Amino acid sequence: MGHSACSCPGSAARVIERTETTQVAGTEKAASELRQWPVQLHLVPPSAPCFQDSDILIAADCVAFALGSFHSDLLKGKALAIACPKLDDTAPYLEKLAAIFRDNTVKSITVAIMEVPCCRGLDLLVRQALALSGKEIPLETATIGINGERRS
């Protein structure tokens, strides 16, 4: 089944601007660092404004659930795309990622994956897409342990 950003109003590209933290019952809560919608790689358009002049985080779906400090440690100040190299049909991802890198001014790329073997596929996919884009963009891989610790 193909996905189209045009088929659902909730998939329309949006920029999210945040200026303050959230107060709940007198306690300050950590603010979300999410800067755009959608975030699923199948849905995000390569021309989304969030990718222009940006640092990009490409995260495996499980990372945000395993790493309690995901927003502050990895997401803050970055455009986001999430994917699962095991469960998603990743065939369209290679060209989509290459287009994002090629058609935007990207300052850096961080790939966040879990320590499990299937997640390595996302890191390899991003590296292939970067090579296909013809650009030299700094790339870092963050590996998260299944217990929630950052391994690299």
Protein backbone atom coordinates (compact mmCIF):
# COMPACT_ATOMS: atom_id res chain seq x y z
CA MET A 1 0.00 0.00 0.00
CA GLY A 2 1.48 3.34 -1.02
CA HIS A 3 1.38 6.39 1.18
CA SER A 4 0.65 9.89 0.01
CA ALA A 5 0.99 13.06 2.02
CA CYS A 6 -2.01 14.40 0.08
CA SER A 7 -4.45 11.68 1.12
CA CYS A 8 -4.85 12.74 4.74
CA PRO A 9 -5.12 16.30 6.08
CA GLY A 10 -3.08 15.19 9.09
CA SER A 11 -0.16 14.44 6.77
CA ALA A 12 0.20 18.01 5.49
CA ALA A 13 3.68 19.41 6.14
CA ARG A 14 3.68 21.80 9.10
CA VAL A 15 6.31 23.72 11.00
CA ILE A 16 5.90 23.73 14.77
CA GLU A 17 7.29 26.68 16.71
CA ARG A 18 7.73 26.43 20.46
CA THR A 19 8.65 29.30 22.73
CA GLU A 20 8.01 28.15 26.30
CA THR A 21 8.01 25.17 28.62
CA THR A 22 4.82 23.55 29.83
CA GLN A 23 3.59 23.96 33.43
CA VAL A 24 1.40 21.21 34.87
CA ALA A 25 0.18 21.46 38.48
CA GLY A 26 3.02 23.82 39.37
CA THR A 27 5.71 21.51 37.98
CA GLU A 28 7.70 22.39 34.90
CA LYS A 29 7.54 19.63 32.30
CA ALA A 30 10.06 19.10 29.55
CA ALA A 31 8.84 20.69 26.34
CA SER A 32 8.63 18.72 23.15
CA GLU A 33 11.46 19.49 20.73
CA LEU A 34 9.46 18.37 17.69
CA ARG A 35 9.71 21.08 15.01
CA GLN A 36 7.58 19.66 12.19
CA TRP A 37 4.83 17.29 11.13
CA PRO A 38 4.69 14.63 9.73
CA VAL A 39 7.73 12.71 10.95
CA GLN A 40 7.26 9.27 9.35
CA LEU A 41 9.67 8.96 6.41
CA HIS A 42 6.92 7.50 4.20
CA LEU A 43 4.89 10.70 4.70
CA VAL A 44 7.41 13.52 4.94
CA PRO A 45 7.90 15.37 1.64
CA PRO A 46 11.55 15.89 0.58
CA SER A 47 10.71 19.56 -0.06
CA ALA A 48 9.35 20.15 3.47
CA PRO A 49 10.62 23.52 4.75
CA CYS A 50 12.01 21.91 7.91
CA PHE A 51 14.83 20.31 5.90
CA GLN A 52 16.15 23.58 4.45
CA ASP A 53 19.26 24.84 6.27
CA SER A 54 18.86 22.11 8.88
CA ASP A 55 20.45 19.48 11.01
CA ILE A 56 18.51 16.27 10.39
CA LEU A 57 17.83 13.38 12.75
CA ILE A 58 16.83 10.10 11.12
CA ALA A 59 15.73 7.82 13.94
CA ALA A 60 14.61 4.23 14.11
CA ASP A 61 11.07 4.11 15.50
CA CYS A 62 12.08 2.44 18.79
CA VAL A 63 14.77 4.98 19.72
CA ALA A 64 12.39 7.57 21.15
CA PHE A 65 10.82 4.96 23.43
CA ALA A 66 14.10 3.46 24.64
CA LEU A 67 16.00 6.72 25.23
CA GLY A 68 14.19 8.71 27.92
CA SER A 69 16.12 11.86 27.03
CA PHE A 70 15.41 11.56 23.28
CA HIS A 71 14.04 15.11 22.93
CA SER A 72 16.83 16.89 24.80
CA ASP A 73 19.74 14.66 23.73
CA LEU A 74 18.97 13.91 20.08
CA LEU A 75 15.99 15.84 18.71
CA LYS A 76 16.57 19.40 19.96
CA GLY A 77 17.15 21.77 17.04
CA LYS A 78 16.79 19.09 14.36
CA ALA A 79 14.32 18.16 11.64
CA LEU A 80 13.12 14.58 12.16
CA ALA A 81 12.31 11.56 10.03
CA ILE A 82 11.52 8.20 11.62
CA ALA A 83 11.53 4.75 10.05
CA CYS A 84 11.80 1.08 10.91
CA PRO A 85 14.30 -0.81 8.75
CA LYS A 86 12.74 -4.14 9.75
CA LEU A 87 9.02 -3.49 9.34
CA ASP A 88 8.82 -0.71 6.73
CA ASP A 89 9.05 -1.16 2.98
CA THR A 90 12.35 0.70 2.72
CA ALA A 91 12.70 0.49 -1.07
CA PRO A 92 11.39 4.06 -1.60
CA TYR A 93 13.53 5.44 1.24
CA LEU A 94 16.83 5.45 -0.67
CA GLU A 95 15.71 7.94 -3.31
CA LYS A 96 13.61 9.96 -0.86
CA LEU A 97 16.55 10.43 1.51
CA ALA A 98 18.89 11.20 -1.39
CA ALA A 99 16.42 13.89 -2.56
CA ILE A 100 16.22 15.38 0.94
CA PHE A 101 20.02 15.59 1.10
CA ARG A 102 20.45 16.75 -2.51
CA ASP A 103 17.66 19.34 -2.69
CA ASN A 104 18.17 21.05 0.68
CA THR A 105 20.99 22.77 2.48
CA VAL A 106 21.64 20.16 5.16
CA LYS A 107 24.23 21.02 7.81
CA SER A 108 24.49 17.59 9.44
CA ILE A 109 22.83 14.20 9.65
CA THR A 110 22.45 12.11 12.80
CA VAL A 111 21.20 8.55 12.47
CA ALA A 112 19.83 7.12 15.71
CA ILE A 113 19.45 3.36 15.81
CA MET A 114 18.97 0.65 18.40
CA GLU A 115 21.77 -1.80 19.19
CA VAL A 116 19.82 -4.69 17.61
CA PRO A 117 21.14 -6.04 14.28
CA CYS A 118 18.10 -5.11 12.16
CA CYS A 119 18.58 -1.42 12.97
CA ARG A 120 21.95 -1.34 11.20
CA GLY A 121 19.97 -1.36 7.96
CA LEU A 122 18.79 2.20 8.61
CA ASP A 123 22.34 3.43 9.09
CA LEU A 124 23.45 1.72 5.86
CA LEU A 125 20.46 3.13 3.98
CA VAL A 126 21.23 6.70 5.07
CA ARG A 127 24.89 6.29 4.09
CA GLN A 128 23.87 4.97 0.65
CA ALA A 129 21.42 7.85 0.17
CA LEU A 130 24.09 10.37 1.15
CA ALA A 131 26.48 8.89 -1.43
CA LEU A 132 23.69 8.96 -4.04
CA SER A 133 23.00 12.63 -3.27
CA GLY A 134 26.52 13.58 -4.33
CA LYS A 135 26.97 15.80 -1.28
CA GLU A 136 29.43 15.64 1.58
CA ILE A 137 27.43 16.21 4.75
CA PRO A 138 28.76 15.37 8.21
CA LEU A 139 27.10 12.16 9.44
CA GLU A 140 27.05 10.73 12.95
CA THR A 141 25.48 7.49 14.16
CA ALA A 142 24.08 7.26 17.68
CA THR A 143 23.47 3.72 18.89
CA ILE A 144 21.03 3.22 21.75
CA GLY A 145 21.02 0.14 23.96
CA ILE A 146 17.79 -1.72 24.62
CA ASN A 147 18.11 -0.64 28.27
CA GLY A 148 17.99 3.00 27.20
CA GLU A 149 21.65 3.93 27.41
CA ARG A 150 23.56 5.66 24.62
CA ARG A 151 26.29 3.32 23.39
CA SER A 152 27.88 5.64 20.83
